[in-house]
Amino acid sequence: MKRSGYFLGIFTCALLLATGCLPTSNGITPSGTTEATGGEPIGLSTSTPVPVATEMPASPTPVPGSAPSFAYSGNPGGCGSIFLYQGNAASSEYLTVWLQAFELEAGVETKRFDLATSEELIDIRINLFSDAISNLGEFPYCNDVGPMAEPEEVWQALSGTVTVTLSADPVADICANQPYEATVVLSDIVFSNGDSTATLPALTLADVGVGWCAG
């Protein structure tokens, strides 16, 4: 009877090993899966799988086509006879005004010009930059130090009214170093980027120092 029980025990153990119900001494079941301390197979967790890490997406590239904000602040600047500019608080949008004051016979008496019929002597633009100018290069206005920041997009003025008053009559030499002040009033200026238009209702650049050149 003892011998029969002995063989019965061996048979039972062999059966358990064959069915994978009994771990071996090294913790590997016959199926080849390592078991955890508590008897649960490692790597067979039913919890939600962790997503595989992916590469961080690149920053989006600025897309041209944004309309001007027309939100200019701070003191305007200028030089020559005459060039004026004013930017927004972020230094990423600048309005520029260039006009041939001497050719236009602008002076101490206020004069009014129709931009649509004076386009060869008056040029008004809005320069849109992808970032603050200081992060892109040297300041591009009334400056002779490069490389200068380049605008991402330019809006060109097509029509509107420009009123000019100077504190002194300008001379033909725009770099004569005879400083004076200019006040330019813009009214209903229509800008275009080639695809869209935007209108600046009104803006005054008052008492801006001009009549000098950088360098």
N, C-alpha and C. Protein backbone atom coordinates (compact mmCIF):
# COMPACT_ATOMS: atom_id res chain seq x y z
N MET A 1 0.82 -1.21 0.00
CA MET A 1 0.00 0.00 0.00
C MET A 1 0.85 1.25 0.00
N LYS A 2 1.96 1.20 0.78
CA LYS A 2 2.83 2.36 0.80
C LYS A 2 3.42 2.62 -0.56
N ARG A 3 3.82 1.49 -1.26
CA ARG A 3 4.40 1.65 -2.59
C ARG A 3 3.37 2.22 -3.56
N SER A 4 2.09 1.76 -3.44
CA SER A 4 1.04 2.28 -4.33
C SER A 4 0.81 3.76 -4.09
N GLY A 5 0.82 4.18 -2.83
CA GLY A 5 0.64 5.61 -2.53
C GLY A 5 1.80 6.44 -3.04
N TYR A 6 3.00 5.87 -2.97
CA TYR A 6 4.19 6.58 -3.45
C TYR A 6 4.09 6.85 -4.93
N PHE A 7 3.71 5.78 -5.69
CA PHE A 7 3.58 5.96 -7.14
C PHE A 7 2.43 6.89 -7.50
N LEU A 8 1.35 6.86 -6.68
CA LEU A 8 0.23 7.77 -6.92
C LEU A 8 0.64 9.21 -6.74
N GLY A 9 1.51 9.46 -5.74
CA GLY A 9 1.99 10.84 -5.51
C GLY A 9 2.85 11.32 -6.65
N ILE A 10 3.73 10.43 -7.15
CA ILE A 10 4.58 10.81 -8.29
C ILE A 10 3.73 11.12 -9.51
N PHE A 11 2.70 10.30 -9.74
CA PHE A 11 1.83 10.51 -10.89
C PHE A 11 1.09 11.86 -10.80
N THR A 12 0.63 12.16 -9.58
CA THR A 12 -0.09 13.43 -9.37
C THR A 12 0.81 14.63 -9.62
N CYS A 13 2.04 14.58 -9.13
CA CYS A 13 2.99 15.70 -9.34
C CYS A 13 3.30 15.87 -10.81
N ALA A 14 3.49 14.75 -11.50
CA ALA A 14 3.78 14.83 -12.93
C ALA A 14 2.63 15.45 -13.69
N LEU A 15 1.40 15.12 -13.27
CA LEU A 15 0.22 15.67 -13.93
C LEU A 15 0.12 17.17 -13.71
N LEU A 16 0.43 17.61 -12.49
CA LEU A 16 0.38 19.05 -12.19
C LEU A 16 1.42 19.82 -12.98
N LEU A 17 2.61 19.25 -13.09
CA LEU A 17 3.66 19.90 -13.88
C LEU A 17 3.26 20.00 -15.34
N ALA A 18 2.66 18.98 -15.86
CA ALA A 18 2.28 18.95 -17.27
C ALA A 18 1.21 19.97 -17.59
N THR A 19 0.32 20.23 -16.63
CA THR A 19 -0.77 21.18 -16.86
C THR A 19 -0.40 22.60 -16.51
N GLY A 20 0.84 22.84 -15.95
CA GLY A 20 1.27 24.19 -15.62
C GLY A 20 0.72 24.71 -14.34
N CYS A 21 0.14 23.88 -13.51
CA CYS A 21 -0.46 24.34 -12.26
C CYS A 21 0.52 24.37 -11.11
N LEU A 22 1.68 23.78 -11.29
CA LEU A 22 2.64 23.71 -10.20
C LEU A 22 3.94 24.36 -10.64
N PRO A 23 4.39 25.44 -9.93
CA PRO A 23 5.64 26.10 -10.33
C PRO A 23 6.82 25.24 -10.00
N THR A 24 7.88 25.40 -10.74
CA THR A 24 9.13 24.73 -10.44
C THR A 24 9.86 25.55 -9.41
N SER A 25 10.98 25.03 -8.94
CA SER A 25 11.70 25.68 -7.86
C SER A 25 12.33 27.00 -8.26
N ASN A 26 12.58 27.24 -9.58
CA ASN A 26 13.19 28.50 -10.01
C ASN A 26 12.17 29.56 -10.39
N GLY A 27 10.89 29.31 -10.13
CA GLY A 27 9.85 30.30 -10.37
C GLY A 27 9.37 30.36 -11.80
N ILE A 28 9.77 29.43 -12.65
CA ILE A 28 9.35 29.42 -14.04
C ILE A 28 8.33 28.33 -14.23
N THR A 29 7.15 28.65 -14.70
CA THR A 29 6.15 27.64 -14.99
C THR A 29 6.51 26.95 -16.29
N PRO A 30 5.93 25.81 -16.56
CA PRO A 30 6.21 25.12 -17.81
C PRO A 30 5.88 25.96 -19.04
N SER A 31 5.00 26.94 -18.88
CA SER A 31 4.69 27.80 -20.02
C SER A 31 5.76 28.83 -20.27
N GLY A 32 6.74 28.97 -19.33
CA GLY A 32 7.85 29.89 -19.53
C GLY A 32 7.61 31.26 -18.98
N THR A 33 6.55 31.49 -18.21
CA THR A 33 6.23 32.81 -17.68
C THR A 33 6.68 32.92 -16.25
N THR A 34 7.47 33.96 -15.93
CA THR A 34 7.95 34.14 -14.56
C THR A 34 6.80 34.55 -13.67
N GLU A 35 6.74 33.99 -12.48
CA GLU A 35 5.67 34.31 -11.55
C GLU A 35 6.12 35.31 -10.52
N ALA A 36 5.23 36.16 -10.08
CA ALA A 36 5.51 37.09 -9.00
C ALA A 36 5.44 36.37 -7.68
N THR A 37 5.82 37.08 -6.62
CA THR A 37 5.86 36.48 -5.29
C THR A 37 4.51 35.94 -4.89
N GLY A 38 3.45 36.64 -5.26
CA GLY A 38 2.12 36.21 -4.86
C GLY A 38 1.54 35.16 -5.75
N GLY A 39 2.29 34.70 -6.75
CA GLY A 39 1.79 33.64 -7.61
C GLY A 39 1.18 34.15 -8.90
N GLU A 40 1.06 35.49 -9.09
CA GLU A 40 0.45 36.03 -10.30
C GLU A 40 1.53 36.21 -11.35
N PRO A 41 1.32 35.75 -12.57
CA PRO A 41 2.35 35.85 -13.60
C PRO A 41 2.74 37.30 -13.87
N ILE A 42 4.06 37.59 -13.91
CA ILE A 42 4.56 38.93 -14.21
C ILE A 42 4.40 39.19 -15.70
N GLY A 43 4.00 40.39 -16.04
CA GLY A 43 3.86 40.76 -17.44
C GLY A 43 2.49 40.45 -18.00
N LEU A 44 1.60 39.90 -17.19
CA LEU A 44 0.26 39.59 -17.65
C LEU A 44 -0.76 40.45 -16.93
N SER A 45 -0.38 41.67 -16.53
CA SER A 45 -1.28 42.55 -15.79
C SER A 45 -2.44 42.96 -16.67
N THR A 46 -3.59 43.09 -16.07
CA THR A 46 -4.78 43.50 -16.81
C THR A 46 -4.99 45.01 -16.78
N SER A 47 -4.05 45.78 -16.17
CA SER A 47 -4.19 47.24 -16.10
C SER A 47 -3.98 47.85 -17.48
N THR A 48 -4.42 49.12 -17.66
CA THR A 48 -4.30 49.81 -18.94
C THR A 48 -2.84 49.98 -19.32
N PRO A 49 -2.43 49.60 -20.52
CA PRO A 49 -1.02 49.72 -20.91
C PRO A 49 -0.59 51.18 -20.98
N VAL A 50 0.68 51.45 -20.65
CA VAL A 50 1.23 52.80 -20.71
C VAL A 50 1.57 53.13 -22.15
N PRO A 51 1.12 54.26 -22.68
CA PRO A 51 1.42 54.60 -24.07
C PRO A 51 2.92 54.75 -24.29
N VAL A 52 3.37 54.38 -25.47
CA VAL A 52 4.78 54.55 -25.82
C VAL A 52 5.06 56.02 -26.03
N ALA A 53 6.17 56.54 -25.45
CA ALA A 53 6.51 57.96 -25.58
C ALA A 53 6.79 58.30 -27.03
N THR A 54 6.28 59.44 -27.47
CA THR A 54 6.52 59.91 -28.83
C THR A 54 7.33 61.19 -28.79
N GLU A 55 7.88 61.58 -29.91
CA GLU A 55 8.69 62.79 -30.00
C GLU A 55 7.83 64.02 -29.80
N MET A 56 8.35 65.00 -29.04
CA MET A 56 7.62 66.24 -28.80
C MET A 56 7.38 66.96 -30.13
N PRO A 57 6.12 67.36 -30.43
CA PRO A 57 5.86 68.04 -31.70
C PRO A 57 6.57 69.37 -31.76
N ALA A 58 6.99 69.72 -32.96
CA ALA A 58 7.70 70.99 -33.16
C ALA A 58 6.75 72.15 -33.00
N SER A 59 7.30 73.31 -32.63
CA SER A 59 6.49 74.52 -32.49
C SER A 59 5.92 74.88 -33.86
N PRO A 60 4.67 75.36 -33.90
CA PRO A 60 4.08 75.70 -35.19
C PRO A 60 4.80 76.88 -35.84
N THR A 61 4.94 76.80 -37.15
CA THR A 61 5.56 77.89 -37.90
C THR A 61 4.55 79.01 -38.08
N PRO A 62 4.94 80.27 -37.79
CA PRO A 62 4.00 81.37 -38.00
C PRO A 62 3.50 81.41 -39.43
N VAL A 63 2.20 81.56 -39.60
CA VAL A 63 1.60 81.56 -40.92
C VAL A 63 1.27 82.99 -41.33
N PRO A 64 1.84 83.45 -42.47
CA PRO A 64 1.52 84.79 -42.94
C PRO A 64 0.02 84.92 -43.20
N GLY A 65 -0.49 86.12 -43.11
CA GLY A 65 -1.89 86.36 -43.38
C GLY A 65 -2.63 86.99 -42.22
N SER A 66 -1.95 87.19 -41.08
CA SER A 66 -2.59 87.83 -39.94
C SER A 66 -2.84 89.30 -40.25
N ALA A 67 -4.01 89.79 -39.84
CA ALA A 67 -4.33 91.19 -40.08
C ALA A 67 -3.60 92.07 -39.07
N PRO A 68 -3.25 93.29 -39.45
CA PRO A 68 -2.62 94.21 -38.50
C PRO A 68 -3.53 94.49 -37.32
N SER A 69 -2.93 94.72 -36.17
CA SER A 69 -3.72 95.02 -34.97
C SER A 69 -4.06 96.50 -34.88
N PHE A 70 -3.21 97.35 -35.49
CA PHE A 70 -3.35 98.81 -35.40
C PHE A 70 -3.25 99.30 -33.96
N ALA A 71 -2.66 98.50 -33.08
CA ALA A 71 -2.55 98.86 -31.65
C ALA A 71 -1.14 99.37 -31.37
N TYR A 72 -0.87 100.59 -31.77
CA TYR A 72 0.47 101.16 -31.61
C TYR A 72 0.54 101.98 -30.33
N SER A 73 1.68 101.88 -29.66
CA SER A 73 1.84 102.54 -28.37
C SER A 73 3.26 103.06 -28.23
N GLY A 74 3.47 103.88 -27.23
CA GLY A 74 4.81 104.42 -27.01
C GLY A 74 5.10 105.59 -27.93
N ASN A 75 6.28 106.15 -27.78
CA ASN A 75 6.66 107.31 -28.58
C ASN A 75 7.09 106.89 -29.98
N PRO A 76 6.58 107.55 -31.01
CA PRO A 76 7.05 107.25 -32.37
C PRO A 76 8.46 107.78 -32.57
N GLY A 77 9.14 107.26 -33.57
CA GLY A 77 10.49 107.71 -33.91
C GLY A 77 10.54 108.18 -35.34
N GLY A 78 11.68 108.77 -35.71
CA GLY A 78 11.80 109.24 -37.08
C GLY A 78 13.20 109.71 -37.41
N CYS A 79 13.41 110.01 -38.68
CA CYS A 79 14.68 110.52 -39.18
C CYS A 79 14.46 111.01 -40.60
N GLY A 80 15.53 111.47 -41.27
CA GLY A 80 15.44 111.89 -42.66
C GLY A 80 14.45 113.02 -42.86
N SER A 81 14.00 113.17 -44.12
CA SER A 81 13.03 114.22 -44.47
C SER A 81 11.95 113.66 -45.41
N ILE A 82 11.01 112.84 -44.96
CA ILE A 82 10.94 112.39 -43.56
C ILE A 82 10.54 110.92 -43.52
N PHE A 83 10.96 110.26 -42.46
CA PHE A 83 10.59 108.88 -42.21
C PHE A 83 10.16 108.78 -40.75
N LEU A 84 8.99 108.17 -40.52
CA LEU A 84 8.47 108.01 -39.17
C LEU A 84 8.03 106.56 -38.96
N TYR A 85 8.01 106.14 -37.71
CA TYR A 85 7.58 104.78 -37.39
C TYR A 85 7.01 104.73 -35.98
N GLN A 86 6.16 103.75 -35.76
CA GLN A 86 5.63 103.48 -34.42
C GLN A 86 5.25 102.01 -34.34
N GLY A 87 5.56 101.38 -33.19
CA GLY A 87 5.30 99.95 -33.04
C GLY A 87 4.28 99.63 -31.97
N ASN A 88 3.93 98.36 -31.90
CA ASN A 88 3.01 97.90 -30.85
C ASN A 88 3.80 97.57 -29.59
N ALA A 89 3.10 97.19 -28.53
CA ALA A 89 3.75 96.92 -27.24
C ALA A 89 4.70 95.73 -27.32
N ALA A 90 4.41 94.77 -28.19
CA ALA A 90 5.24 93.57 -28.31
C ALA A 90 6.42 93.75 -29.25
N SER A 91 6.53 94.92 -29.87
CA SER A 91 7.60 95.20 -30.84
C SER A 91 7.60 94.19 -31.99
N SER A 92 6.42 93.75 -32.39
CA SER A 92 6.30 92.78 -33.48
C SER A 92 5.50 93.32 -34.66
N GLU A 93 4.99 94.53 -34.53
CA GLU A 93 4.24 95.18 -35.61
C GLU A 93 4.60 96.65 -35.64
N TYR A 94 5.00 97.13 -36.82
CA TYR A 94 5.40 98.53 -36.94
C TYR A 94 4.73 99.17 -38.14
N LEU A 95 4.23 100.37 -37.91
CA LEU A 95 3.73 101.20 -38.99
C LEU A 95 4.82 102.18 -39.39
N THR A 96 5.08 102.30 -40.68
CA THR A 96 6.10 103.23 -41.16
C THR A 96 5.50 104.21 -42.16
N VAL A 97 5.98 105.43 -42.12
CA VAL A 97 5.54 106.48 -43.04
C VAL A 97 6.78 107.11 -43.65
N TRP A 98 6.87 107.07 -44.95
CA TRP A 98 7.96 107.74 -45.66
C TRP A 98 7.34 108.71 -46.65
N LEU A 99 7.81 109.93 -46.63
CA LEU A 99 7.33 110.90 -47.62
C LEU A 99 8.43 111.89 -47.97
N GLN A 100 8.44 112.29 -49.21
CA GLN A 100 9.41 113.26 -49.71
C GLN A 100 8.90 114.66 -49.37
N ALA A 101 9.25 115.11 -48.17
CA ALA A 101 8.71 116.38 -47.69
C ALA A 101 9.08 117.54 -48.61
N PHE A 102 10.32 117.55 -49.09
CA PHE A 102 10.76 118.65 -49.95
C PHE A 102 10.01 118.63 -51.27
N GLU A 103 9.89 117.45 -51.89
CA GLU A 103 9.19 117.33 -53.16
C GLU A 103 7.70 117.65 -53.02
N LEU A 104 7.14 117.32 -51.86
CA LEU A 104 5.73 117.60 -51.61
C LEU A 104 5.48 119.03 -51.17
N GLU A 105 6.57 119.79 -50.99
CA GLU A 105 6.50 121.18 -50.51
C GLU A 105 5.78 121.25 -49.17
N ALA A 106 6.00 120.21 -48.36
CA ALA A 106 5.45 120.23 -47.01
C ALA A 106 6.29 121.19 -46.17
N GLY A 107 5.66 121.82 -45.19
CA GLY A 107 6.39 122.77 -44.35
C GLY A 107 5.61 123.12 -43.11
N VAL A 108 5.86 124.33 -42.62
CA VAL A 108 5.24 124.73 -41.36
C VAL A 108 3.73 124.91 -41.50
N GLU A 109 3.27 125.10 -42.70
CA GLU A 109 1.83 125.17 -42.93
C GLU A 109 1.30 123.75 -43.15
N THR A 110 0.21 123.45 -42.48
CA THR A 110 -0.38 122.11 -42.58
C THR A 110 -0.86 121.86 -44.01
N LYS A 111 -0.44 120.70 -44.54
CA LYS A 111 -0.87 120.33 -45.88
C LYS A 111 -1.50 118.94 -45.85
N ARG A 112 -2.45 118.78 -46.73
CA ARG A 112 -3.20 117.53 -46.78
C ARG A 112 -2.99 116.87 -48.14
N PHE A 113 -2.76 115.55 -48.10
CA PHE A 113 -2.48 114.82 -49.33
C PHE A 113 -3.39 113.61 -49.46
N ASP A 114 -3.78 113.34 -50.73
CA ASP A 114 -4.54 112.13 -51.05
C ASP A 114 -3.53 111.05 -51.39
N LEU A 115 -3.50 110.00 -50.59
CA LEU A 115 -2.49 108.96 -50.78
C LEU A 115 -2.61 108.29 -52.15
N ALA A 116 -3.81 108.13 -52.64
CA ALA A 116 -4.02 107.43 -53.91
C ALA A 116 -3.39 108.17 -55.09
N THR A 117 -3.24 109.49 -54.97
CA THR A 117 -2.66 110.28 -56.06
C THR A 117 -1.25 110.76 -55.73
N SER A 118 -0.70 110.32 -54.61
CA SER A 118 0.64 110.75 -54.20
C SER A 118 1.53 109.54 -53.89
N GLU A 119 1.22 108.40 -54.51
CA GLU A 119 1.90 107.16 -54.14
C GLU A 119 3.39 107.16 -54.47
N GLU A 120 3.83 108.01 -55.40
CA GLU A 120 5.25 108.05 -55.73
C GLU A 120 6.06 108.86 -54.71
N LEU A 121 5.39 109.67 -53.92
CA LEU A 121 6.08 110.53 -52.96
C LEU A 121 5.72 110.20 -51.51
N ILE A 122 4.71 109.36 -51.33
CA ILE A 122 4.31 108.95 -49.97
C ILE A 122 4.19 107.43 -49.94
N ASP A 123 4.82 106.81 -48.99
CA ASP A 123 4.77 105.36 -48.85
C ASP A 123 4.47 105.03 -47.38
N ILE A 124 3.37 104.32 -47.16
CA ILE A 124 2.97 103.93 -45.80
C ILE A 124 2.82 102.41 -45.78
N ARG A 125 3.45 101.79 -44.79
CA ARG A 125 3.41 100.34 -44.70
C ARG A 125 3.20 99.89 -43.26
N ILE A 126 2.79 98.63 -43.13
CA ILE A 126 2.77 97.95 -41.83
C ILE A 126 3.61 96.69 -41.97
N ASN A 127 4.62 96.59 -41.15
CA ASN A 127 5.51 95.43 -41.15
C ASN A 127 5.14 94.51 -39.99
N LEU A 128 4.83 93.26 -40.31
CA LEU A 128 4.51 92.26 -39.29
C LEU A 128 5.71 91.32 -39.14
N PHE A 129 6.17 91.17 -37.90
CA PHE A 129 7.31 90.31 -37.60
C PHE A 129 6.83 89.06 -36.86
N SER A 130 7.58 87.96 -36.99
CA SER A 130 7.20 86.70 -36.35
C SER A 130 7.48 86.70 -34.86
N ASP A 131 8.22 87.70 -34.37
CA ASP A 131 8.59 87.77 -32.96
C ASP A 131 8.97 89.22 -32.67
N ALA A 132 9.31 89.50 -31.43
CA ALA A 132 9.83 90.83 -31.10
C ALA A 132 11.08 91.09 -31.92
N ILE A 133 11.23 92.31 -32.40
CA ILE A 133 12.36 92.64 -33.27
C ILE A 133 13.69 92.30 -32.62
N SER A 134 13.80 92.51 -31.31
CA SER A 134 15.06 92.26 -30.62
C SER A 134 15.50 90.80 -30.69
N ASN A 135 14.56 89.89 -30.97
CA ASN A 135 14.88 88.47 -31.09
C ASN A 135 15.20 88.05 -32.52
N LEU A 136 15.08 88.99 -33.45
CA LEU A 136 15.26 88.66 -34.87
C LEU A 136 16.47 89.32 -35.50
N GLY A 137 16.95 90.39 -34.92
CA GLY A 137 18.08 91.10 -35.51
C GLY A 137 18.15 92.52 -34.99
N GLU A 138 18.92 93.35 -35.68
CA GLU A 138 19.06 94.75 -35.28
C GLU A 138 17.80 95.53 -35.65
N PHE A 139 17.59 96.63 -34.93
CA PHE A 139 16.41 97.47 -35.18
C PHE A 139 16.48 98.00 -36.61
N PRO A 140 15.42 97.83 -37.41
CA PRO A 140 15.50 98.12 -38.84
C PRO A 140 15.16 99.55 -39.25
N TYR A 141 14.90 100.44 -38.31
CA TYR A 141 14.48 101.79 -38.67
C TYR A 141 15.46 102.83 -38.14
N CYS A 142 15.84 103.77 -39.02
CA CYS A 142 16.75 104.86 -38.64
C CYS A 142 17.99 104.31 -37.94
N ASN A 143 18.54 103.28 -38.51
CA ASN A 143 19.69 102.59 -37.92
C ASN A 143 20.58 102.11 -39.05
N ASP A 144 21.89 102.14 -38.85
CA ASP A 144 22.82 101.68 -39.89
C ASP A 144 23.63 100.47 -39.45
N VAL A 145 23.14 99.77 -38.41
CA VAL A 145 23.83 98.58 -37.90
C VAL A 145 23.03 97.34 -38.32
N GLY A 146 23.72 96.36 -38.89
CA GLY A 146 23.06 95.13 -39.32
C GLY A 146 23.65 93.91 -38.65
N PRO A 147 23.12 92.73 -38.97
CA PRO A 147 21.97 92.49 -39.85
C PRO A 147 20.65 92.86 -39.17
N MET A 148 19.79 93.46 -39.95
CA MET A 148 18.54 93.97 -39.40
C MET A 148 17.43 92.92 -39.45
N ALA A 149 16.49 93.04 -38.53
CA ALA A 149 15.32 92.16 -38.51
C ALA A 149 14.51 92.37 -39.78
N GLU A 150 14.01 91.27 -40.33
CA GLU A 150 13.21 91.32 -41.55
C GLU A 150 11.76 90.99 -41.22
N PRO A 151 10.81 91.76 -41.76
CA PRO A 151 9.40 91.46 -41.50
C PRO A 151 8.98 90.18 -42.19
N GLU A 152 8.02 89.51 -41.59
CA GLU A 152 7.47 88.30 -42.19
C GLU A 152 6.43 88.64 -43.25
N GLU A 153 5.75 89.75 -43.06
CA GLU A 153 4.71 90.16 -44.00
C GLU A 153 4.60 91.67 -44.00
N VAL A 154 4.29 92.22 -45.19
CA VAL A 154 4.16 93.66 -45.35
C VAL A 154 2.78 93.99 -45.90
N TRP A 155 2.12 94.94 -45.25
CA TRP A 155 0.85 95.47 -45.74
C TRP A 155 1.11 96.86 -46.31
N GLN A 156 0.69 97.09 -47.53
CA GLN A 156 0.95 98.34 -48.23
C GLN A 156 -0.31 99.22 -48.23
N ALA A 157 -0.12 100.50 -47.93
CA ALA A 157 -1.25 101.44 -47.95
C ALA A 157 -1.61 101.77 -49.39
N LEU A 158 -2.91 101.77 -49.67
CA LEU A 158 -3.39 102.04 -51.02
C LEU A 158 -4.11 103.38 -51.14
N SER A 159 -4.82 103.75 -50.10
CA SER A 159 -5.60 104.99 -50.17
C SER A 159 -5.80 105.55 -48.78
N GLY A 160 -6.28 106.79 -48.74
CA GLY A 160 -6.51 107.47 -47.48
C GLY A 160 -5.98 108.89 -47.53
N THR A 161 -6.06 109.56 -46.40
CA THR A 161 -5.64 110.96 -46.32
C THR A 161 -4.47 111.11 -45.36
N VAL A 162 -3.48 111.89 -45.78
CA VAL A 162 -2.28 112.15 -44.97
C VAL A 162 -2.15 113.65 -44.78
N THR A 163 -2.09 114.08 -43.51
CA THR A 163 -1.91 115.50 -43.19
C THR A 163 -0.55 115.69 -42.54
N VAL A 164 0.22 116.66 -43.04
CA VAL A 164 1.60 116.86 -42.59
C VAL A 164 1.81 118.29 -42.11
N THR A 165 2.44 118.42 -40.94
CA THR A 165 2.84 119.73 -40.43
C THR A 165 4.27 119.62 -39.91
N LEU A 166 5.15 120.50 -40.36
CA LEU A 166 6.55 120.49 -39.95
C LEU A 166 6.87 121.73 -39.15
N SER A 167 7.84 121.62 -38.24
CA SER A 167 8.22 122.77 -37.43
C SER A 167 9.17 123.70 -38.17
N ALA A 168 9.70 123.24 -39.30
CA ALA A 168 10.59 124.06 -40.14
C ALA A 168 10.51 123.54 -41.56
N ASP A 169 10.81 124.40 -42.51
CA ASP A 169 10.80 123.96 -43.89
C ASP A 169 11.97 123.00 -44.14
N PRO A 170 11.72 121.85 -44.76
CA PRO A 170 12.79 120.88 -45.00
C PRO A 170 13.71 121.34 -46.13
N VAL A 171 14.92 120.79 -46.15
CA VAL A 171 15.87 121.07 -47.22
C VAL A 171 15.96 119.83 -48.10
N ALA A 172 16.53 120.00 -49.29
CA ALA A 172 16.61 118.90 -50.24
C ALA A 172 17.49 117.76 -49.74
N ASP A 173 18.56 118.11 -49.01
CA ASP A 173 19.47 117.10 -48.48
C ASP A 173 18.86 116.48 -47.23
N ILE A 174 18.43 115.22 -47.34
CA ILE A 174 17.74 114.60 -46.20
C ILE A 174 18.68 114.30 -45.05
N CYS A 175 19.98 114.36 -45.29
CA CYS A 175 20.95 114.11 -44.22
C CYS A 175 21.74 115.38 -43.89
N ALA A 176 21.08 116.51 -44.01
CA ALA A 176 21.76 117.79 -43.77
C ALA A 176 21.97 118.06 -42.29
N ASN A 177 21.45 117.17 -41.44
CA ASN A 177 21.55 117.34 -39.99
C ASN A 177 21.01 118.69 -39.53
N GLN A 178 19.84 119.00 -40.03
CA GLN A 178 19.10 120.17 -39.57
C GLN A 178 17.78 119.67 -38.98
N PRO A 179 17.83 119.18 -37.74
CA PRO A 179 16.66 118.53 -37.14
C PRO A 179 15.46 119.47 -37.02
N TYR A 180 14.31 118.88 -37.19
CA TYR A 180 13.05 119.59 -36.97
C TYR A 180 12.03 118.53 -36.57
N GLU A 181 10.81 118.95 -36.32
CA GLU A 181 9.77 118.02 -35.88
C GLU A 181 8.67 117.91 -36.92
N ALA A 182 8.11 116.72 -36.98
CA ALA A 182 7.02 116.46 -37.93
C ALA A 182 5.83 115.88 -37.20
N THR A 183 4.65 116.34 -37.61
CA THR A 183 3.40 115.76 -37.12
C THR A 183 2.63 115.26 -38.33
N VAL A 184 2.33 113.97 -38.33
CA VAL A 184 1.62 113.35 -39.45
C VAL A 184 0.33 112.74 -38.93
N VAL A 185 -0.77 113.08 -39.57
CA VAL A 185 -2.08 112.55 -39.20
C VAL A 185 -2.57 111.66 -40.34
N LEU A 186 -2.89 110.42 -40.02
CA LEU A 186 -3.40 109.47 -41.01
C LEU A 186 -4.89 109.26 -40.79
N SER A 187 -5.64 109.26 -41.89
CA SER A 187 -7.10 109.09 -41.79
C SER A 187 -7.58 108.10 -42.84
N ASP A 188 -8.33 107.10 -42.40
CA ASP A 188 -8.96 106.12 -43.29
C ASP A 188 -7.96 105.52 -44.28
N ILE A 189 -6.86 105.02 -43.74
CA ILE A 189 -5.82 104.43 -44.59
C ILE A 189 -6.17 102.96 -44.84
N VAL A 190 -6.31 102.60 -46.10
CA VAL A 190 -6.63 101.23 -46.49
C VAL A 190 -5.34 100.51 -46.86
N PHE A 191 -5.09 99.38 -46.19
CA PHE A 191 -3.89 98.58 -46.43
C PHE A 191 -4.28 97.27 -47.11
N SER A 192 -3.32 96.71 -47.85
CA SER A 192 -3.53 95.41 -48.48
C SER A 192 -2.25 94.58 -48.41
N ASN A 193 -2.43 93.27 -48.24
CA ASN A 193 -1.29 92.35 -48.29
C ASN A 193 -1.30 91.52 -49.57
N GLY A 194 -2.16 91.93 -50.51
CA GLY A 194 -2.29 91.21 -51.77
C GLY A 194 -3.51 90.32 -51.81
N ASP A 195 -3.94 89.85 -50.65
CA ASP A 195 -5.11 88.98 -50.57
C ASP A 195 -6.27 89.62 -49.81
N SER A 196 -5.95 90.41 -48.79
CA SER A 196 -6.97 91.01 -47.94
C SER A 196 -6.69 92.49 -47.75
N THR A 197 -7.68 93.20 -47.25
CA THR A 197 -7.51 94.62 -46.93
C THR A 197 -7.89 94.86 -45.48
N ALA A 198 -7.34 95.91 -44.92
CA ALA A 198 -7.64 96.33 -43.55
C ALA A 198 -7.54 97.84 -43.51
N THR A 199 -8.39 98.48 -42.71
CA THR A 199 -8.45 99.94 -42.68
C THR A 199 -8.05 100.48 -41.31
N LEU A 200 -7.13 101.41 -41.31
CA LEU A 200 -6.74 102.15 -40.11
C LEU A 200 -7.58 103.42 -40.07
N PRO A 201 -8.52 103.55 -39.13
CA PRO A 201 -9.39 104.73 -39.11
C PRO A 201 -8.63 106.03 -38.91
N ALA A 202 -7.74 106.05 -37.91
CA ALA A 202 -7.02 107.30 -37.62
C ALA A 202 -5.80 107.01 -36.76
N LEU A 203 -4.75 107.78 -36.99
CA LEU A 203 -3.54 107.69 -36.17
C LEU A 203 -2.76 108.98 -36.33
N THR A 204 -2.26 109.51 -35.21
CA THR A 204 -1.45 110.73 -35.24
C THR A 204 -0.06 110.44 -34.69
N LEU A 205 0.95 110.77 -35.47
CA LEU A 205 2.34 110.70 -35.04
C LEU A 205 2.77 112.14 -34.79
N ALA A 206 2.82 112.53 -33.53
CA ALA A 206 2.96 113.95 -33.19
C ALA A 206 4.37 114.30 -32.74
N ASP A 207 4.85 115.44 -33.25
CA ASP A 207 6.11 116.05 -32.81
C ASP A 207 7.27 115.05 -32.83
N VAL A 208 7.44 114.39 -33.95
CA VAL A 208 8.50 113.38 -34.10
C VAL A 208 9.76 114.05 -34.65
N GLY A 209 10.88 113.81 -33.98
CA GLY A 209 12.14 114.39 -34.44
C GLY A 209 12.63 113.76 -35.73
N VAL A 210 12.85 114.58 -36.75
CA VAL A 210 13.33 114.11 -38.06
C VAL A 210 14.43 115.06 -38.53
N GLY A 211 14.83 114.92 -39.81
CA GLY A 211 15.85 115.81 -40.36
C GLY A 211 17.27 115.40 -40.04
N TRP A 212 17.50 114.16 -39.70
CA TRP A 212 18.84 113.67 -39.41
C TRP A 212 18.99 112.26 -39.98
N CYS A 213 20.22 111.78 -40.12
CA CYS A 213 20.48 110.44 -40.65
C CYS A 213 21.42 109.70 -39.72
N ALA A 214 21.22 108.38 -39.65
CA ALA A 214 22.11 107.55 -38.83
C ALA A 214 23.46 107.39 -39.52
N GLY A 215 24.51 107.26 -38.71
CA GLY A 215 25.84 107.02 -39.26
C GLY A 215 26.74 108.22 -39.17
